[in-house]
Protein backbone atom coordinates (compact mmCIF):
# COMPACT_ATOMS: atom_id res chain seq x y z
CA UNK A 1 -38.60 63.61 58.86
CA UNK A 2 -35.55 65.83 58.76
CA UNK A 3 -33.62 63.24 56.75
CA UNK A 4 -33.35 63.28 52.96
CA UNK A 5 -32.24 60.97 50.20
CA UNK A 6 -30.21 61.75 47.11
CA UNK A 7 -32.09 61.10 43.90
CA UNK A 8 -28.94 61.69 41.85
CA UNK A 9 -25.48 63.07 42.57
CA UNK A 10 -23.35 65.45 40.52
CA UNK A 11 -25.85 66.34 37.83
CA UNK A 12 -24.54 68.24 34.79
CA UNK A 13 -25.43 71.96 35.12
CA UNK A 14 -27.94 71.89 32.26
CA UNK A 15 -29.86 69.02 33.87
CA UNK A 16 -29.79 70.76 37.26
CA UNK A 17 -31.33 73.90 35.74
CA UNK A 18 -34.14 71.87 34.18
CA UNK A 19 -34.89 70.14 37.51
CA UNK A 20 -34.98 73.47 39.34
CA UNK A 21 -37.35 74.89 36.75
CA UNK A 22 -39.88 72.15 37.49
CA UNK A 23 -40.40 73.51 41.02
CA UNK A 24 -41.29 70.10 42.48
CA UNK A 25 -42.16 70.38 46.22
CA UNK A 26 -39.63 68.63 48.40
CA UNK A 27 -37.02 68.38 45.66
CA UNK A 28 -34.04 70.70 46.05
CA UNK A 29 -30.56 71.09 44.65
CA UNK A 30 -27.30 71.07 46.58
CA UNK A 31 -24.00 72.32 45.23
CA UNK A 32 -21.11 69.84 45.43
CA UNK A 33 -17.45 69.86 44.49
CA UNK A 34 -16.20 67.34 41.98
CA UNK A 35 -12.57 66.58 41.27
CA UNK A 36 -11.43 67.55 37.78
CA UNK A 37 -8.27 66.14 36.16
CA UNK A 38 -6.79 68.57 33.60
CA UNK A 39 -4.47 65.91 32.16
CA UNK A 40 -7.29 63.52 31.37
CA UNK A 41 -6.01 60.12 30.29
CA UNK A 42 -2.32 61.15 30.25
CA UNK A 43 -1.79 60.23 33.92
CA UNK A 44 -5.09 58.49 34.66
CA UNK A 45 -3.75 55.24 36.15
CA UNK A 46 -1.14 57.11 38.16
CA UNK A 47 -3.37 59.75 39.75
CA UNK A 48 -6.46 57.57 40.02
CA UNK A 49 -9.74 59.24 40.97
CA UNK A 50 -12.15 59.95 43.81
CA UNK A 51 -15.69 58.67 44.30
CA UNK A 52 -18.84 60.76 44.58
CA UNK A 53 -18.02 61.58 48.23
CA UNK A 54 -14.48 62.64 47.30
CA UNK A 55 -12.83 59.56 48.81
CA UNK A 56 -9.82 58.22 46.94
CA UNK A 57 -10.69 55.14 44.90
CA UNK A 58 -7.60 54.45 42.80
CA UNK A 59 -3.97 55.51 42.36
CA UNK A 60 -2.37 58.38 44.25
CA UNK A 61 -5.83 59.57 45.30
CA UNK A 62 -6.21 56.34 47.26
CA UNK A 63 -2.61 55.99 48.42
CA UNK A 64 -2.48 59.50 49.92
CA UNK A 65 -6.13 59.77 50.95
CA UNK A 66 -5.32 60.50 54.60
CA UNK A 67 -3.03 63.39 53.65
CA UNK A 68 -5.24 64.91 50.95
CA UNK A 69 -8.66 64.66 52.57
CA UNK A 70 -8.14 66.27 55.98
CA UNK A 71 -10.49 65.72 58.92
CA UNK A 72 -13.82 67.36 59.75
CA UNK A 73 -14.28 69.27 62.99
CA UNK A 74 -17.20 69.14 65.42
CA UNK A 75 -19.30 71.72 67.31
CA UNK A 76 -22.00 71.77 70.00
CA UNK A 77 -24.97 73.77 68.76
CA UNK A 78 -28.56 74.63 69.66
CA UNK A 79 -31.23 73.95 67.03
CA UNK A 80 -34.86 75.01 66.76
CA UNK A 81 -37.82 72.68 66.27
CA UNK A 82 -37.15 72.61 62.51
CA UNK A 83 -33.56 71.50 62.99
CA UNK A 84 -32.04 74.85 62.09
CA UNK A 85 -28.91 75.98 63.97
CA UNK A 86 -29.71 79.06 66.06
CA UNK A 87 -26.63 79.22 68.29
CA UNK A 88 -23.06 77.86 68.36
CA UNK A 89 -22.34 76.74 71.93
CA UNK A 90 -18.81 75.36 71.72
CA UNK A 91 -16.18 74.03 69.33
CA UNK A 92 -15.27 70.49 70.30
CA UNK A 93 -12.69 69.79 67.60
CA UNK A 94 -11.27 72.15 65.00
CA UNK A 95 -11.36 70.92 61.40
CA UNK A 96 -8.08 69.92 59.81
CA UNK A 97 -7.60 70.96 56.21
CA UNK A 98 -6.31 68.48 53.68
CA UNK A 99 -2.61 68.70 52.93
CA UNK A 100 -0.82 69.51 49.71
CA UNK A 101 1.18 66.82 47.93
CA UNK A 102 4.02 67.59 45.53
CA UNK A 103 4.47 64.68 43.13
CA UNK A 104 7.79 63.96 41.49
CA UNK A 105 6.07 63.65 38.09
CA UNK A 106 7.29 66.07 35.40
CA UNK A 107 4.15 66.95 33.40
CA UNK A 108 6.06 67.43 30.13
CA UNK A 109 7.89 64.11 30.45
CA UNK A 110 4.64 62.42 31.44
CA UNK A 111 3.00 63.68 28.24
CA UNK A 112 5.94 62.51 26.11
CA UNK A 113 5.90 59.06 27.72
CA UNK A 114 2.14 58.77 27.29
CA UNK A 115 2.23 59.90 23.66
CA UNK A 116 4.99 57.45 22.76
CA UNK A 117 3.58 54.40 24.51
CA UNK A 118 0.15 55.03 23.00
CA UNK A 119 1.67 55.32 19.52
CA UNK A 120 3.84 52.23 20.01
CA UNK A 121 0.97 50.04 21.25
CA UNK A 122 -1.19 51.06 18.32
CA UNK A 123 1.56 50.73 15.69
CA UNK A 124 2.77 47.37 17.01
CA UNK A 125 -0.79 46.06 17.48
CA UNK A 126 0.12 45.24 21.07
CA UNK A 127 -2.21 44.33 23.90
CA UNK A 128 -0.83 47.15 26.06
CA UNK A 129 2.32 48.81 27.27
CA UNK A 130 3.97 51.03 29.87
CA UNK A 131 6.88 53.43 30.29
CA UNK A 132 8.73 54.48 33.45
CA UNK A 133 11.20 57.37 33.68
CA UNK A 134 13.31 57.64 36.85
CA UNK A 135 15.70 60.33 37.99
CA UNK A 136 18.78 58.15 38.42
CA UNK A 137 20.22 60.33 41.20
CA UNK A 138 17.20 61.25 43.33
CA UNK A 139 15.16 58.12 42.71
CA UNK A 140 12.14 60.24 41.78
CA UNK A 141 9.59 58.83 39.34
CA UNK A 142 9.47 61.52 36.63
CA UNK A 143 6.90 59.78 34.43
CA UNK A 144 4.78 56.66 34.55
CA UNK A 145 2.53 56.15 31.53
CA UNK A 146 0.24 53.36 30.35
CA UNK A 147 -1.83 52.44 27.35
CA UNK A 148 -4.70 51.61 27.08
CA UNK A 149 -5.95 54.40 29.31
CA UNK A 150 -9.22 56.07 30.30
CA UNK A 151 -10.50 59.59 30.96
CA UNK A 152 -10.98 60.04 34.74
CA UNK A 153 -13.36 62.95 34.06
CA UNK A 154 -15.74 60.64 32.20
CA UNK A 155 -15.69 57.21 33.80
CA UNK A 156 -18.72 55.73 32.06
CA UNK A 157 -17.94 52.03 32.38
CA UNK A 158 -14.19 52.16 31.61
CA UNK A 159 -12.68 48.77 30.80
CA UNK A 160 -10.80 47.28 33.75
CA UNK A 161 -7.87 46.70 31.40
CA UNK A 162 -7.64 50.45 30.82
CA UNK A 163 -7.66 51.20 34.55
CA UNK A 164 -4.64 49.04 35.41
CA UNK A 165 -1.36 50.73 36.17
CA UNK A 166 0.59 48.10 34.26
CA UNK A 167 3.98 49.40 35.36
CA UNK A 168 3.18 48.50 38.98
CA UNK A 169 0.43 45.87 39.01
CA UNK A 170 1.38 43.64 36.05
CA UNK A 171 4.01 40.95 36.49
CA UNK A 172 6.02 39.49 33.63
CA UNK A 173 9.14 37.43 33.08
CA UNK A 174 11.82 40.00 32.25
CA UNK A 175 13.74 37.97 29.71
CA UNK A 176 17.22 39.16 28.79
CA UNK A 177 16.95 42.39 30.78
CA UNK A 178 18.05 40.12 33.69
CA UNK A 179 21.39 39.22 32.10
CA UNK A 180 23.26 42.26 33.46
CA UNK A 181 22.53 41.04 37.00
CA UNK A 182 23.89 37.55 36.34
CA UNK A 183 27.03 39.08 34.84
CA UNK A 184 27.39 41.57 37.70
CA UNK A 185 27.16 38.70 40.18
CA UNK A 186 30.00 36.69 38.64
CA UNK A 187 32.18 39.80 38.26
CA UNK A 188 31.56 40.74 41.89
CA UNK A 189 32.44 37.24 43.06
CA UNK A 190 35.69 37.34 41.09
CA UNK A 191 34.71 34.37 38.94
CA UNK A 192 35.18 36.14 35.59
CA UNK A 193 36.42 39.36 34.04
CA UNK A 194 34.82 41.27 31.14
CA UNK A 195 37.31 39.81 28.67
CA UNK A 196 37.15 36.20 29.89
CA UNK A 197 36.13 33.79 27.11
CA UNK A 198 33.02 31.72 27.75
CA UNK A 199 32.25 28.44 25.99
CA UNK A 200 28.89 29.06 24.32
CA UNK A 201 28.79 25.66 22.62
CA UNK A 202 27.79 26.87 19.16
CA UNK A 203 24.52 28.08 20.62
CA UNK A 204 23.52 24.95 22.54
CA UNK A 205 23.82 23.96 26.19
CA UNK A 206 22.11 20.84 27.55
CA UNK A 207 21.21 20.51 31.22
CA UNK A 208 19.49 17.24 32.07
CA UNK A 209 16.77 16.77 29.45
CA UNK A 210 16.57 20.48 28.56
CA UNK A 211 18.64 22.31 25.93
CA UNK A 212 19.20 26.07 26.00
CA UNK A 213 19.57 27.73 22.60
CA UNK A 214 20.99 30.98 21.24
CA UNK A 215 19.35 32.79 18.35
CA UNK A 216 22.80 33.57 16.91
CA UNK A 217 25.19 30.67 17.71
CA UNK A 218 28.86 31.19 18.54
CA UNK A 219 31.55 28.83 19.81
CA UNK A 220 33.06 31.29 22.28
CA UNK A 221 32.15 34.78 23.48
CA UNK A 222 33.79 37.09 25.98
CA UNK A 223 31.70 38.02 29.03
CA UNK A 224 31.13 41.46 27.44
CA UNK A 225 29.96 39.82 24.22
CA UNK A 226 27.58 37.54 26.14
CA UNK A 227 25.71 40.70 27.10
CA UNK A 228 26.17 42.51 23.79
CA UNK A 229 24.92 39.54 21.76
CA UNK A 230 22.42 38.51 24.45
CA UNK A 231 23.62 34.91 24.64
CA UNK A 232 21.35 32.68 26.70
CA UNK A 233 23.96 29.93 26.74
CA UNK A 234 26.65 32.30 27.98
CA UNK A 235 24.45 33.78 30.69
CA UNK A 236 23.41 30.30 31.86
CA UNK A 237 27.01 29.10 32.11
CA UNK A 238 27.97 32.21 34.08
CA UNK A 239 25.08 31.80 36.52
CA UNK A 240 25.89 28.13 37.10
CA UNK A 241 29.43 29.07 38.15
CA UNK A 242 27.85 30.43 41.36
CA UNK A 243 26.17 28.50 44.16
CA UNK A 244 22.37 28.86 44.20
CA UNK A 245 22.53 30.76 47.49
CA UNK A 246 25.10 33.24 46.15
CA UNK A 247 23.17 33.92 42.96
CA UNK A 248 19.91 34.29 44.89
CA UNK A 249 21.55 36.69 47.32
CA UNK A 250 22.68 38.98 44.50
CA UNK A 251 19.21 39.04 42.94
CA UNK A 252 17.51 39.61 46.28
CA UNK A 253 19.78 42.55 47.16
CA UNK A 254 18.95 44.07 43.77
CA UNK A 255 15.32 44.31 44.93
CA UNK A 256 13.78 41.37 43.10
CA UNK A 257 10.98 39.58 44.91
CA UNK A 258 10.26 42.64 47.09
CA UNK A 259 8.12 45.77 46.89
CA UNK A 260 9.68 48.88 45.38
CA UNK A 261 8.62 51.04 48.32
CA UNK A 262 6.73 53.47 46.07
CA UNK A 263 3.55 53.04 48.13
CA UNK A 264 1.29 52.64 45.10
CA UNK A 265 -1.83 50.60 45.92
CA UNK A 266 -2.05 47.16 44.39
CA UNK A 267 1.66 46.82 43.65
CA UNK A 268 2.64 43.27 42.70
CA UNK A 269 5.97 42.31 44.26
CA UNK A 270 7.15 39.78 41.72
CA UNK A 271 8.48 36.32 42.42
CA UNK A 272 11.97 35.20 43.34
CA UNK A 273 11.75 31.68 44.70
CA UNK A 274 13.90 30.49 47.56
CA UNK A 275 17.21 29.11 46.26
CA UNK A 276 16.70 25.88 48.22
CA UNK A 277 14.00 24.88 45.71
CA UNK A 278 16.06 25.59 42.58
CA UNK A 279 17.09 22.88 40.13
CA UNK A 280 20.18 23.55 37.95
CA UNK A 281 18.03 24.26 34.87
CA UNK A 282 16.02 26.82 36.85
CA UNK A 283 19.14 28.62 38.03
CA UNK A 284 20.40 28.64 34.46
CA UNK A 285 17.21 30.02 32.90
CA UNK A 286 16.82 32.62 35.64
CA UNK A 287 20.02 34.22 34.33
CA UNK A 288 18.11 35.25 31.21
CA UNK A 289 14.86 36.10 32.94
CA UNK A 290 12.80 32.91 32.88
CA UNK A 291 11.36 31.58 36.13
CA UNK A 292 11.39 34.98 37.82
CA UNK A 293 8.73 37.69 37.60
CA UNK A 294 8.96 41.47 38.00
CA UNK A 295 6.95 44.62 37.46
CA UNK A 296 8.35 47.37 35.23
CA UNK A 297 8.94 49.87 38.04
CA UNK A 298 10.84 47.22 40.00
CA UNK A 299 13.03 46.49 37.00
CA UNK A 300 13.70 50.18 36.35
CA UNK A 301 14.69 50.63 39.99
CA UNK A 302 17.12 47.69 39.79
CA UNK A 303 18.94 49.42 36.93
CA UNK A 304 19.75 52.36 39.23
CA UNK A 305 22.49 50.05 40.52
CA UNK A 306 24.42 50.39 37.25
CA UNK A 307 23.77 54.13 37.07
CA UNK A 308 25.03 54.81 40.61
CA UNK A 309 28.25 52.83 40.96
CA UNK A 310 26.60 49.80 42.53
CA UNK A 311 24.01 51.45 44.78
CA UNK A 312 20.31 50.55 44.62
CA UNK A 313 18.31 53.76 45.00
CA UNK A 314 15.14 54.27 47.00
CA UNK A 315 12.43 55.48 44.63
CA UNK A 316 9.58 57.90 45.29
CA UNK A 317 6.47 59.29 43.63
CA UNK A 318 6.86 62.43 45.77
CA UNK A 319 9.24 65.31 45.20
CA UNK A 320 12.53 64.76 47.04
CA UNK A 321 15.29 67.11 48.08
CA UNK A 322 18.78 66.02 47.03
CA UNK A 323 19.96 62.52 46.22
CA UNK A 324 18.03 59.48 47.35
CA UNK A 325 19.30 57.10 49.97
CA UNK A 326 20.39 53.74 48.72
CA UNK A 327 21.94 50.43 49.62
CA UNK A 328 25.17 49.05 48.14
CA UNK A 329 24.74 45.95 45.99
CA UNK A 330 27.90 45.79 43.86
CA UNK A 331 31.26 47.54 43.94
CA UNK A 332 31.69 50.66 41.80
CA UNK A 333 34.14 48.70 39.64
CA UNK A 334 31.57 45.99 38.90
CA UNK A 335 28.75 48.46 38.21
CA UNK A 336 30.90 50.51 35.82
CA UNK A 337 32.09 47.39 34.01
CA UNK A 338 28.49 46.29 33.41
CA UNK A 339 27.53 49.80 32.31
CA UNK A 340 30.32 49.72 29.76
CA UNK A 341 28.96 46.41 28.47
CA UNK A 342 25.46 47.87 28.27
CA UNK A 343 26.83 50.57 25.98
CA UNK A 344 27.97 47.86 23.58
CA UNK A 345 24.38 46.57 23.40
CA UNK A 346 23.23 49.74 21.61
CA UNK A 347 26.05 49.72 19.08
CA UNK A 348 25.95 47.87 15.73
CA UNK A 349 26.50 44.20 16.52
CA UNK A 350 24.41 44.48 19.68
CA UNK A 351 20.70 43.83 20.07
CA UNK A 352 19.61 47.48 20.38
CA UNK A 353 21.26 49.88 17.92
CA UNK A 354 17.79 51.41 17.45
CA UNK A 355 18.06 52.72 21.03
CA UNK A 356 20.80 55.22 20.10
CA UNK A 357 20.12 58.90 20.82
CA UNK A 358 21.84 61.72 18.86
CA UNK A 359 24.27 63.64 21.06
CA UNK A 360 24.20 61.21 23.96
CA UNK A 361 25.84 57.97 24.95
CA UNK A 362 23.24 55.50 26.14
CA UNK A 363 23.47 52.08 27.77
CA UNK A 364 20.77 49.48 28.19
CA UNK A 365 19.45 46.01 27.57
CA UNK A 366 16.76 44.41 25.46
CA UNK A 367 14.33 41.77 26.63
CA UNK A 368 12.12 39.39 24.63
CA UNK A 369 10.29 36.88 26.80
CA UNK A 370 7.72 34.21 25.92
CA UNK A 371 4.49 34.53 27.89
CA UNK A 372 3.12 31.72 30.03
CA UNK A 373 -0.31 30.24 29.46
CA UNK A 374 -1.60 27.35 31.58
CA UNK A 375 1.93 26.72 32.81
CA UNK A 376 3.47 26.51 29.33
CA UNK A 377 5.39 29.01 27.22
CA UNK A 378 3.49 30.16 24.14
CA UNK A 379 4.45 32.20 21.10
CA UNK A 380 3.30 35.50 22.55
CA UNK A 381 5.86 37.89 23.90
CA UNK A 382 6.75 40.69 26.29
CA UNK A 383 9.18 43.03 24.52
CA UNK A 384 11.19 45.46 26.64
CA UNK A 385 14.14 47.78 26.82
CA UNK A 386 15.65 49.28 29.98
CA UNK A 387 18.36 51.88 29.62
CA UNK A 388 20.11 54.93 31.03
CA UNK A 389 21.57 58.17 29.71
CA UNK A 390 23.92 59.91 29.45
CA UNK A 391 26.03 56.78 29.90
CA UNK A 392 29.04 58.84 31.02
CA UNK A 393 27.10 60.03 34.08
CA UNK A 394 23.55 58.65 34.04
CA UNK A 395 20.76 61.07 34.92
CA UNK A 396 17.75 59.11 33.67
CA UNK A 397 16.57 55.51 33.73
CA UNK A 398 13.93 54.78 31.07
CA UNK A 399 12.05 51.47 30.94
CA UNK A 400 9.73 50.47 28.08
CA UNK A 401 7.48 47.40 27.99
CA UNK A 402 5.12 46.22 25.23
CA UNK A 403 2.71 43.38 25.97
CA UNK A 404 2.14 41.02 23.03
CA UNK A 405 3.24 43.04 19.99
CA UNK A 406 1.12 41.61 17.22
CA UNK A 407 3.10 42.45 14.09
CA UNK A 408 5.92 40.56 12.40
CA UNK A 409 8.47 42.22 14.69
CA UNK A 410 8.42 41.36 18.37
CA UNK A 411 12.02 41.52 19.63
CA UNK A 412 12.72 44.14 22.30
CA UNK A 413 15.43 45.62 20.09
CA UNK A 414 12.94 46.07 17.26
CA UNK A 415 9.83 47.41 19.00
CA UNK A 416 10.84 48.72 22.46
CA UNK A 417 14.30 50.17 21.75
CA UNK A 418 13.04 52.82 19.25
CA UNK A 419 10.46 53.97 21.82
CA UNK A 420 13.26 54.31 24.38
CA UNK A 421 15.28 56.40 21.93
CA UNK A 422 12.42 58.83 21.26
CA UNK A 423 11.42 59.20 24.91
CA UNK A 424 14.98 59.47 26.21
CA UNK A 425 16.04 61.98 23.57
CA UNK A 426 13.04 64.19 24.29
CA UNK A 427 13.54 63.94 28.07
CA UNK A 428 17.25 64.77 27.94
CA UNK A 429 16.58 67.83 25.80
CA UNK A 430 13.64 68.96 27.95
CA UNK A 431 15.77 68.75 31.11
CA UNK A 432 18.64 70.53 29.33
CA UNK A 433 21.11 67.77 30.18
CA UNK A 434 24.45 68.43 28.44
CA UNK A 435 25.52 66.29 25.50
CA UNK A 436 28.23 63.71 26.11
CA UNK A 437 28.68 62.64 22.46
CA UNK A 438 28.73 64.30 19.02
CA UNK A 439 25.33 65.01 17.47
CA UNK A 440 26.24 62.63 14.62
CA UNK A 441 27.14 59.78 17.00
CA UNK A 442 24.29 57.49 15.88
CA UNK A 443 25.81 54.65 13.90
CA UNK A 444 23.69 53.19 11.13
CA UNK A 445 22.69 49.55 11.30
CA UNK A 446 23.57 47.41 8.32
CA UNK A 447 21.01 44.65 7.87
CA UNK A 448 18.42 43.43 10.37
CA UNK A 449 18.65 44.08 14.10
CA UNK A 450 20.23 41.22 16.04
CA UNK A 451 17.39 39.39 17.76
CA UNK A 452 17.30 37.47 21.04
CA UNK A 453 14.82 35.18 22.68
């Protein structure tokens, strides 16, 4: 028979030399290429890997397989009795070489993001975590890091948990990172202004047989303070001032409940239920991120609205030329007003003073959401912070998510905001983005960080 079978593929060189030395009749060696990933685990879930036949199996390798792999050609040949080619007769189809792909990922920012999320997950005894860095203008994904991770050059039974690209495949309730969208909706509809006082009922608001609570009760807060203090009661009252259809329309146009368009395999789209099925309590809790699910990349993309005067940017994992296209969601006036409020969040009195970055104004929002188990909320949390910098003219969107921090601290402002500060500061300096604040602009926090739940 002229056919053969592989006994083993991609032997290490030392083993191959020992096999050759045995001189076994009928056993031969064949040289093969094998993909090598210089970054190892730093971008493992993003890049993915190829199988033994060099077919994409995960990540970008799978998503762009048709571009990267090329196509074999074909020839008509004459062979001798032993199957050896003795003459080329004709070329039927020329081979097509695989194409080059230029990713938008900045290798230095990717390393910083990976280092910081790994350190944060370990220090906070969390189940896992992810970081996304977006170019606010072009929509390019500059970094996308996960922990736990795996080494794609040594895939000896990696845990499935380590192979997940959490930023794209994992859904979670976003918690208070949704409040800016509820506030933007009521501002856009002309229902409220930033300084309008909202009755926050000393931290309690009862709808039917359910009562919404605030961690830090107040009788009245301005709309700006509702965001700064992360008031659930205030956000719920604002959302209920809109019809279900109107509120749903604002969330839908911000990209919730839809794919991001990044093209990454296995992306989970999140859940935004049809407004016709909403009860009042569900509309209220959705204003602070309960009853809606997102992935981290989707949430980071939504925040491009506040960085770009109301325009939702198209995002890409590939290098782009110039600014990204986008679709208008809010007016520039509304987007700037919310961005100003988000700056208050990182000041003393807000929920995220630990997100401050020396030399730069930053704006963002904390999130602390209970996790669901068997249809019920349990005392395990997703802690997050989504922000932008420099706030005067945002260039970067940075999103941080920690899954089930296991220490005494679990609020987004306590565990995710400091990670944002380190990553954002390093990224701004690496990209040589000019300062927009004094180097001593970081204001010290007196007492514990204001929590929210």
